[in-house]
C-alpha atoms as a PDB file:
ATOM      1  CA  MET A   1      57.676  -5.279  22.926  1.00  0.00           C
ATOM      2  CA  PRO A   2      58.338  -4.646  19.087  1.00  0.00           C
ATOM      3  CA  LEU A   3      62.031  -4.913  17.646  1.00  0.00           C
ATOM      4  CA  GLU A   4      64.381  -2.466  18.610  1.00  0.00           C
ATOM      5  CA  GLY A   5      66.751  -1.218  15.567  1.00  0.00           C
ATOM      6  CA  PRO A   6      66.596  -2.249  12.089  1.00  0.00           C
ATOM      7  CA  SER A   7      64.691  -5.352  10.473  1.00  0.00           C
ATOM      8  CA  PRO A   8      66.606  -8.695  10.531  1.00  0.00           C
ATOM      9  CA  LYS A   9      68.351 -10.258   7.307  1.00  0.00           C
ATOM     10  CA  PRO A  10      68.619 -14.088   7.231  1.00  0.00           C
ATOM     11  CA  GLY A  11      71.670 -15.138   8.867  1.00  0.00           C
ATOM     12  CA  ASP A  12      71.702 -11.989  11.684  1.00  0.00           C
ATOM     13  CA  LEU A  13      71.995 -12.513  15.056  1.00  0.00           C
ATOM     14  CA  ILE A  14      68.824 -11.916  17.232  1.00  0.00           C
ATOM     15  CA  GLU A  15      69.679 -10.673  20.832  1.00  0.00           C
ATOM     16  CA  PHE A  16      66.327 -11.214  23.239  1.00  0.00           C
ATOM     17  CA  MET A  17      66.710  -9.143  26.262  1.00  0.00           C
ATOM     18  CA  ARG A  18      65.438 -11.339  29.133  1.00  0.00           C
ATOM     19  CA  PRO A  19      65.289 -10.257  32.780  1.00  0.00           C
ATOM     20  CA  LEU A  20      68.600 -10.655  33.820  1.00  0.00           C
ATOM     21  CA  TYR A  21      70.507 -12.092  30.517  1.00  0.00           C
ATOM     22  CA  GLN A  22      69.761 -11.933  27.131  1.00  0.00           C
ATOM     23  CA  HIS A  23      68.563 -15.292  24.916  1.00  0.00           C
ATOM     24  CA  TRP A  24      70.252 -15.489  21.436  1.00  0.00           C
ATOM     25  CA  GLY A  25      68.656 -16.832  18.075  1.00  0.00           C
ATOM     26  CA  ILE A  26      69.802 -17.010  14.238  1.00  0.00           C
ATOM     27  CA  TYR A  27      67.409 -15.153  11.783  1.00  0.00           C
ATOM     28  CA  ILE A  28      66.428 -17.336   9.008  1.00  0.00           C
ATOM     29  CA  GLY A  29      63.990 -15.185   7.329  1.00  0.00           C
ATOM     30  CA  GLY A  30      59.975 -15.233   7.176  1.00  0.00           C
ATOM     31  CA  GLY A  31      59.725 -14.196  10.823  1.00  0.00           C
ATOM     32  CA  MET A  32      61.686 -17.307  11.820  1.00  0.00           C
ATOM     33  CA  VAL A  33      64.464 -17.979  14.302  1.00  0.00           C
ATOM     34  CA  VAL A  34      66.556 -20.885  14.891  1.00  0.00           C
ATOM     35  CA  HIS A  35      68.201 -21.053  18.923  1.00  0.00           C
ATOM     36  CA  LEU A  36      68.714 -23.517  21.149  1.00  0.00           C
ATOM     37  CA  THR A  37      66.684 -23.646  24.316  1.00  0.00           C
ATOM     38  CA  ASP A  38      64.355 -25.518  26.426  1.00  0.00           C
ATOM     39  CA  GLN A  39      61.611 -28.053  25.280  1.00  0.00           C
ATOM     40  CA  ASP A  40      59.217 -25.077  25.484  1.00  0.00           C
ATOM     41  CA  GLY A  41      61.231 -22.590  23.360  1.00  0.00           C
ATOM     42  CA  TYR A  42      61.248 -19.647  25.875  1.00  0.00           C
ATOM     43  CA  SER A  43      65.199 -19.641  26.523  1.00  0.00           C
ATOM     44  CA  SER A  44      68.223 -22.040  27.000  1.00  0.00           C
ATOM     45  CA  LEU A  45      68.854 -20.699  31.067  1.00  0.00           C
ATOM     46  CA  SER A  46      66.136 -23.719  32.411  1.00  0.00           C
ATOM     47  CA  SER A  47      68.265 -26.030  30.012  1.00  0.00           C
ATOM     48  CA  ALA A  48      71.644 -25.453  32.684  1.00  0.00           C
ATOM     49  CA  PHE A  49      70.004 -27.585  35.355  1.00  0.00           C
ATOM     50  CA  GLY A  50      69.271 -30.697  32.802  1.00  0.00           C
ATOM     51  CA  GLU A  51      72.616 -30.107  30.809  1.00  0.00           C
ATOM     52  CA  THR A  52      71.147 -30.601  27.658  1.00  0.00           C
ATOM     53  CA  ALA A  53      68.963 -28.317  25.185  1.00  0.00           C
ATOM     54  CA  VAL A  54      66.972 -28.698  21.716  1.00  0.00           C
ATOM     55  CA  VAL A  55      67.795 -26.816  18.800  1.00  0.00           C
ATOM     56  CA  ARG A  56      64.337 -25.148  17.880  1.00  0.00           C
ATOM     57  CA  GLU A  57      62.710 -23.192  14.696  1.00  0.00           C
ATOM     58  CA  ASP A  58      60.126 -20.845  16.580  1.00  0.00           C
ATOM     59  CA  SER A  59      58.660 -17.638  15.255  1.00  0.00           C
ATOM     60  CA  ILE A  60      60.895 -14.672  16.406  1.00  0.00           C
ATOM     61  CA  GLU A  61      57.364 -13.010  18.284  1.00  0.00           C
ATOM     62  CA  SER A  62      57.010 -16.266  19.937  1.00  0.00           C
ATOM     63  CA  VAL A  63      60.436 -16.475  21.413  1.00  0.00           C
ATOM     64  CA  ALA A  64      60.499 -12.882  21.975  1.00  0.00           C
ATOM     65  CA  ASP A  65      57.457 -13.404  24.497  1.00  0.00           C
ATOM     66  CA  GLY A  66      57.192 -10.047  25.196  1.00  0.00           C
ATOM     67  CA  CYS A  67      60.545  -9.049  25.631  1.00  0.00           C
ATOM     68  CA  VAL A  68      62.432  -6.411  23.300  1.00  0.00           C
ATOM     69  CA  TYR A  69      64.583  -7.994  20.951  1.00  0.00           C
ATOM     70  CA  ARG A  70      67.287  -6.721  18.176  1.00  0.00           C
ATOM     71  CA  VAL A  71      69.637  -7.418  15.306  1.00  0.00           C
ATOM     72  CA  ASN A  72      73.234  -7.801  17.026  1.00  0.00           C
ATOM     73  CA  ASN A  73      76.084  -8.834  14.790  1.00  0.00           C
ATOM     74  CA  LYS A  74      78.507  -7.587  17.602  1.00  0.00           C
ATOM     75  CA  TYR A  75      81.028 -10.169  16.414  1.00  0.00           C
ATOM     76  CA  ASP A  76      81.295  -8.846  13.235  1.00  0.00           C
ATOM     77  CA  ARG A  77      84.106  -6.365  14.480  1.00  0.00           C
ATOM     78  CA  LYS A  78      86.029  -9.819  15.413  1.00  0.00           C
ATOM     79  CA  ARG A  79      85.261 -12.362  12.704  1.00  0.00           C
ATOM     80  CA  ASP A  80      83.989 -12.261   9.143  1.00  0.00           C
ATOM     81  CA  PRO A  81      80.635 -13.919   9.036  1.00  0.00           C
ATOM     82  CA  TYR A  82      79.959 -16.662   6.470  1.00  0.00           C
ATOM     83  CA  LEU A  83      77.293 -16.061   3.938  1.00  0.00           C
ATOM     84  CA  SER A  84      73.711 -15.812   4.886  1.00  0.00           C
ATOM     85  CA  GLY A  85      72.931 -18.603   2.934  1.00  0.00           C
ATOM     86  CA  LYS A  86      75.570 -21.006   4.457  1.00  0.00           C
ATOM     87  CA  ILE A  87      74.303 -19.704   7.737  1.00  0.00           C
ATOM     88  CA  VAL A  88      70.677 -20.310   7.244  1.00  0.00           C
ATOM     89  CA  SER A  89      71.141 -24.014   5.871  1.00  0.00           C
ATOM     90  CA  ALA A  90      73.505 -24.786   8.811  1.00  0.00           C
ATOM     91  CA  ALA A  91      70.916 -23.454  11.573  1.00  0.00           C
ATOM     92  CA  ARG A  92      68.006 -25.346   9.650  1.00  0.00           C
ATOM     93  CA  ARG A  93      70.281 -28.894   9.731  1.00  0.00           C
ATOM     94  CA  GLU A  94      70.476 -28.264  13.247  1.00  0.00           C
ATOM     95  CA  VAL A  95      66.623 -27.926  14.041  1.00  0.00           C
ATOM     96  CA  GLY A  96      65.460 -30.980  16.352  1.00  0.00           C
ATOM     97  CA  LYS A  97      68.982 -31.916  17.568  1.00  0.00           C
ATOM     98  CA  ARG A  98      69.615 -32.211  21.297  1.00  0.00           C
ATOM     99  CA  LYS A  99      72.613 -30.658  22.117  1.00  0.00           C
ATOM    100  CA  SER A 100      75.026 -30.648  25.654  1.00  0.00           C
ATOM    101  CA  TYR A 101      74.367 -27.498  27.262  1.00  0.00           C
ATOM    102  CA  SER A 102      76.718 -25.408  29.670  1.00  0.00           C
ATOM    103  CA  VAL A 103      76.309 -21.869  30.753  1.00  0.00           C
ATOM    104  CA  THR A 104      80.036 -21.518  30.496  1.00  0.00           C
ATOM    105  CA  SER A 105      81.082 -23.185  27.051  1.00  0.00           C
ATOM    106  CA  ALA A 106      77.787 -24.288  25.358  1.00  0.00           C
ATOM    107  CA  ASN A 107      74.873 -22.028  25.661  1.00  0.00           C
ATOM    108  CA  CYS A 108      72.666 -19.807  22.960  1.00  0.00           C
ATOM    109  CA  GLU A 109      74.948 -17.341  22.341  1.00  0.00           C
ATOM    110  CA  HIS A 110      77.590 -19.946  21.774  1.00  0.00           C
ATOM    111  CA  PHE A 111      75.567 -21.714  19.458  1.00  0.00           C
ATOM    112  CA  VAL A 112      74.142 -18.868  17.352  1.00  0.00           C
ATOM    113  CA  THR A 113      77.732 -17.617  16.920  1.00  0.00           C
ATOM    114  CA  GLU A 114      79.250 -20.607  15.689  1.00  0.00           C
ATOM    115  CA  LEU A 115      76.995 -20.974  13.147  1.00  0.00           C
ATOM    116  CA  ARG A 116      77.589 -17.645  11.712  1.00  0.00           C
ATOM    117  CA  TYR A 117      81.300 -17.278  12.089  1.00  0.00           C
ATOM    118  CA  GLY A 118      82.409 -20.938  12.750  1.00  0.00           C
ATOM    119  CA  THR A 119      83.683 -20.044  16.348  1.00  0.00           C
ATOM    120  CA  GLY A 120      81.443 -19.715  19.597  1.00  0.00           C
ATOM    121  CA  TYR A 121      81.530 -16.528  21.480  1.00  0.00           C
ATOM    122  CA  CYS A 122      79.533 -15.332  24.852  1.00  0.00           C
ATOM    123  CA  ASP A 123      80.066 -12.093  25.817  1.00  0.00           C
ATOM    124  CA  GLN A 124      78.108 -12.641  28.912  1.00  0.00           C
ATOM    125  CA  VAL A 125      80.129 -15.382  29.887  1.00  0.00           C
ATOM    126  CA  ASP A 126      83.407 -13.674  28.944  1.00  0.00           C
ATOM    127  CA  ASN A 127      82.116 -10.737  31.424  1.00  0.00           C
ATOM    128  CA  ALA A 128      80.812 -12.493  34.322  1.00  0.00           C
ATOM    129  CA  LYS A 129      84.065 -14.447  34.173  1.00  0.00           C
ATOM    130  CA  MET A 130      86.097 -10.984  34.358  1.00  0.00           C
ATOM    131  CA  TYR A 131      83.717  -9.548  36.977  1.00  0.00           C
ATOM    132  CA  ALA A 132      84.534 -12.730  39.109  1.00  0.00           C
ATOM    133  CA  THR A 133      88.441 -12.336  38.660  1.00  0.00           C
ATOM    134  CA  GLY A 134      87.983  -8.841  39.575  1.00  0.00           C
ATOM    135  CA  GLY A 135      85.912  -9.477  42.526  1.00  0.00           C
ATOM    136  CA  LEU A 136      88.526 -12.184  43.570  1.00  0.00           C
ATOM    137  CA  ILE A 137      91.558 -10.124  42.975  1.00  0.00           C
ATOM    138  CA  GLY A 138      89.904  -7.308  44.800  1.00  0.00           C
ATOM    139  CA  MET A 139      88.880  -9.368  47.884  1.00  0.00           C
ATOM    140  CA  ALA A 140      92.593 -10.822  47.569  1.00  0.00           C
ATOM    141  CA  ALA A 141      93.830  -6.807  47.888  1.00  0.00           C
ATOM    142  CA  VAL A 142      91.711  -6.051  50.936  1.00  0.00           C
ATOM    143  CA  ALA A 143      92.907  -9.508  52.743  1.00  0.00           C
ATOM    144  CA  ALA A 144      96.473  -8.185  51.919  1.00  0.00           C
ATOM    145  CA  VAL A 145      96.173  -4.661  53.373  1.00  0.00           C
ATOM    146  CA  ALA A 146      94.269  -6.274  56.500  1.00  0.00           C
ATOM    147  CA  LEU A 147      97.595  -8.559  56.886  1.00  0.00           C
ATOM    148  CA  VAL A 148      99.997  -6.061  56.661  1.00  0.00           C
ATOM    149  CA  ALA A 149      98.025  -3.871  58.914  1.00  0.00           C
ATOM    150  CA  THR A 150      97.677  -6.565  61.643  1.00  0.00           C
ATOM    151  CA  GLN A 151     101.318  -7.094  61.314  1.00  0.00           C
ATOM    152  CA  LYS A 152     102.092  -3.451  61.941  1.00  0.00           C
ATOM    153  CA  ASN A 153      99.830  -3.166  64.770  1.00  0.00           C
ATOM    154  CA  ARG A 154     101.532  -6.595  66.323  1.00  0.00           C
ATOM    155  CA  GLN A 155     105.225  -4.856  65.717  1.00  0.00           C
ATOM    156  CA  LYS A 156     104.272  -1.738  67.558  1.00  0.00           C
ATOM    157  CA  LYS A 157     102.881  -3.657  70.877  1.00  0.00           C
ATOM    158  CA  TYR A 158     106.250  -5.278  70.938  1.00  0.00           C
END
């Protein structure tokens, strides 16, 4: 699948649309991205089971592996990015390093946003936490209503 939207510039965040989740990289120019991934370079999701991942430099097309990808500097609204030269240099220094991996606190999106902004962000994790919390609150509300109804029915019987 082709690039969706504008062409990337060095230092841009690249979002790869995988089934069920997104994979992230930093564009460093020349058709290449640096990303936190498994040994095969496809995604960091499989690293979740091993608790480690590796930083690789791969072609944007090989990382896309047929999936749609796009420039997505969505956090520019929250933070000012570093200069592109600083981002690219920092990304290249990470290539080949093994990193601790955590789906919730040290994933591929955290990795690239830390390079671009100095702080790791991940909407995927934040949204999942929000939905999980909302689900728990909803379940608690249903349980509370059921408990009140049960209590009222008991009071009517006596």
